[in-house]
Amino acid sequence: MRVYADGSALVRYLTGVPQSDEWSRWAAERESDLLVTSLSLSELRAAAAGHPASVRMRALDVADRLEEVRYFDQALKLASMVTGVLSSFGALHLGVAAAHPEVDTIATYDPRLAQVARMYHLTVLAPGMPAGWSG
């Protein structure tokens, strides 16, 4: 099975971010299992903007290595059902993760997204976070 990574997880590729060491260790072994969307990658690039060129280049390198999936009808339908609970971006992340046939896990450091993802029977992955961090 595959792991969908939202922007809050991808940001952990950048040095100096909380849990970046734990994320980097986990990703070193499982990166080929990751799926992302254009939104995840945009959030990574936005986090890297304004940082030194080496940080921006790391974000570009990560983006080149990860498998990007497109939004599909089932994902958008599911996202529309949770926009009252999640932000628009969170809803899109959940929609892709919960509706993608190969995904059973979501990598996120967003507590609300993590809570809702569990209701959709997704395993939540957040290397470096303590048990019960999202409530």
Protein backbone atom coordinates (compact mmCIF):
# COMPACT_ATOMS: atom_id res chain seq x y z
CA MET A 1 0.00 0.00 0.00
CA ARG A 2 0.98 3.61 -0.53
CA VAL A 3 1.30 6.66 1.73
CA TYR A 4 -0.17 10.01 0.71
CA ALA A 5 1.89 12.94 2.02
CA ASP A 6 0.38 16.37 2.56
CA GLY A 7 2.37 19.60 2.63
CA SER A 8 2.84 19.53 6.40
CA ALA A 9 4.71 16.24 5.99
CA LEU A 10 6.76 17.34 2.98
CA VAL A 11 7.92 20.45 4.83
CA ARG A 12 9.76 18.07 7.18
CA TYR A 13 12.25 17.47 4.36
CA LEU A 14 13.60 20.97 5.08
CA THR A 15 16.31 21.28 7.72
CA GLY A 16 15.53 23.08 10.95
CA VAL A 17 11.84 22.17 10.91
CA PRO A 18 10.53 20.25 13.94
CA GLN A 19 10.58 16.48 13.31
CA SER A 20 12.70 16.92 10.16
CA ASP A 21 15.29 14.40 11.35
CA GLU A 22 12.67 11.76 12.12
CA TRP A 23 10.86 12.39 8.84
CA SER A 24 14.09 12.21 6.84
CA ARG A 25 15.04 8.88 8.43
CA TRP A 26 11.58 7.45 7.70
CA ALA A 27 11.47 8.83 4.15
CA ALA A 28 14.93 7.50 3.32
CA GLU A 29 13.53 3.97 3.55
CA ARG A 30 9.96 4.51 2.27
CA GLU A 31 10.10 7.39 -0.20
CA SER A 32 9.15 5.14 -3.11
CA ASP A 33 5.83 4.48 -1.32
CA LEU A 34 4.92 8.18 -1.16
CA LEU A 35 2.27 9.82 -3.32
CA VAL A 36 1.78 13.58 -3.43
CA THR A 37 -0.37 16.11 -5.29
CA SER A 38 0.40 19.47 -6.82
CA LEU A 39 -1.00 20.99 -3.62
CA SER A 40 1.46 19.06 -1.42
CA LEU A 41 4.33 20.21 -3.61
CA SER A 42 3.08 23.81 -3.64
CA GLU A 43 3.03 23.82 0.15
CA LEU A 44 6.60 22.51 0.20
CA ARG A 45 7.77 25.18 -2.26
CA ALA A 46 5.98 27.91 -0.30
CA ALA A 47 7.71 26.80 2.91
CA ALA A 48 11.09 26.89 1.15
CA ALA A 49 10.54 30.33 -0.41
CA GLY A 50 12.55 33.07 1.22
CA HIS A 51 15.13 30.59 2.50
CA PRO A 52 18.65 30.24 1.13
CA ALA A 53 19.11 28.71 -2.31
CA SER A 54 20.25 25.40 -0.80
CA VAL A 55 16.87 25.01 0.94
CA ARG A 56 14.94 25.92 -2.20
CA MET A 57 17.04 23.45 -4.20
CA ARG A 58 16.32 20.71 -1.66
CA ALA A 59 12.59 21.35 -2.10
CA LEU A 60 12.95 21.10 -5.88
CA ASP A 61 14.98 17.91 -5.57
CA VAL A 62 12.34 16.34 -3.33
CA ALA A 63 9.58 17.36 -5.75
CA ASP A 64 11.44 15.71 -8.64
CA ARG A 65 11.74 12.40 -6.76
CA LEU A 66 8.16 11.98 -5.57
CA GLU A 67 5.28 10.47 -7.51
CA GLU A 68 2.58 13.05 -8.14
CA VAL A 69 -1.03 12.00 -8.60
CA ARG A 70 -3.76 14.09 -10.18
CA TYR A 71 -7.04 14.93 -8.57
CA PHE A 72 -9.81 12.58 -9.59
CA ASP A 73 -13.59 12.77 -9.32
CA GLN A 74 -13.96 10.54 -6.25
CA ALA A 75 -11.34 12.57 -4.37
CA LEU A 76 -13.05 15.85 -5.16
CA LYS A 77 -16.45 14.46 -4.16
CA LEU A 78 -15.10 13.28 -0.82
CA ALA A 79 -13.30 16.60 -0.29
CA SER A 80 -16.53 18.51 -0.82
CA MET A 81 -18.13 16.50 1.99
CA VAL A 82 -15.56 17.56 4.63
CA THR A 83 -15.05 21.24 3.85
CA GLY A 84 -17.14 22.19 6.88
CA VAL A 85 -14.67 20.37 9.13
CA LEU A 86 -11.34 20.87 7.34
CA SER A 87 -9.77 23.77 5.50
CA SER A 88 -10.14 23.61 1.73
CA PHE A 89 -6.57 22.35 1.41
CA GLY A 90 -7.04 19.80 4.19
CA ALA A 91 -10.21 18.56 2.51
CA LEU A 92 -8.36 18.07 -0.79
CA HIS A 93 -5.57 16.16 0.95
CA LEU A 94 -8.09 13.93 2.70
CA GLY A 95 -10.06 13.41 -0.50
CA VAL A 96 -7.04 12.10 -2.38
CA ALA A 97 -5.80 9.95 0.50
CA ALA A 98 -9.16 8.40 1.34
CA ALA A 99 -10.36 7.84 -2.22
CA HIS A 100 -7.12 6.61 -3.82
CA PRO A 101 -7.33 2.82 -4.18
CA GLU A 102 -3.67 2.23 -3.30
CA VAL A 103 -3.47 4.52 -0.25
CA ASP A 104 -4.07 3.27 3.27
CA THR A 105 -1.94 5.82 5.16
CA ILE A 106 -1.69 9.59 5.25
CA ALA A 107 1.46 11.39 6.35
CA THR A 108 0.45 14.64 8.02
CA TYR A 109 1.39 16.84 10.93
CA ASP A 110 -1.97 18.63 10.84
CA PRO A 111 -3.90 17.52 13.95
CA ARG A 112 -7.39 18.15 12.54
CA LEU A 113 -6.61 16.39 9.28
CA ALA A 114 -5.18 13.47 11.27
CA GLN A 115 -8.36 13.18 13.33
CA VAL A 116 -10.65 13.22 10.30
CA ALA A 117 -8.39 10.82 8.38
CA ARG A 118 -8.82 8.24 11.12
CA MET A 119 -12.60 8.48 10.68
CA TYR A 120 -12.01 7.47 7.07
CA HIS A 121 -10.00 4.44 8.24
CA LEU A 122 -6.63 5.84 7.21
CA THR A 123 -3.54 5.16 9.26
CA VAL A 124 -1.88 8.45 10.25
CA LEU A 125 1.89 8.70 10.00
CA ALA A 126 3.86 11.53 11.63
CA PRO A 127 7.41 10.44 12.46
CA GLY A 128 8.72 12.21 15.54
CA MET A 129 5.32 13.00 17.03
CA PRO A 130 4.33 11.42 20.35
CA ALA A 131 1.48 8.92 20.58
CA GLY A 132 -1.87 10.67 20.83
CA TRP A 133 -0.53 14.00 19.50
CA SER A 134 -3.63 14.68 17.43
CA GLY A 135 -6.20 13.85 20.06
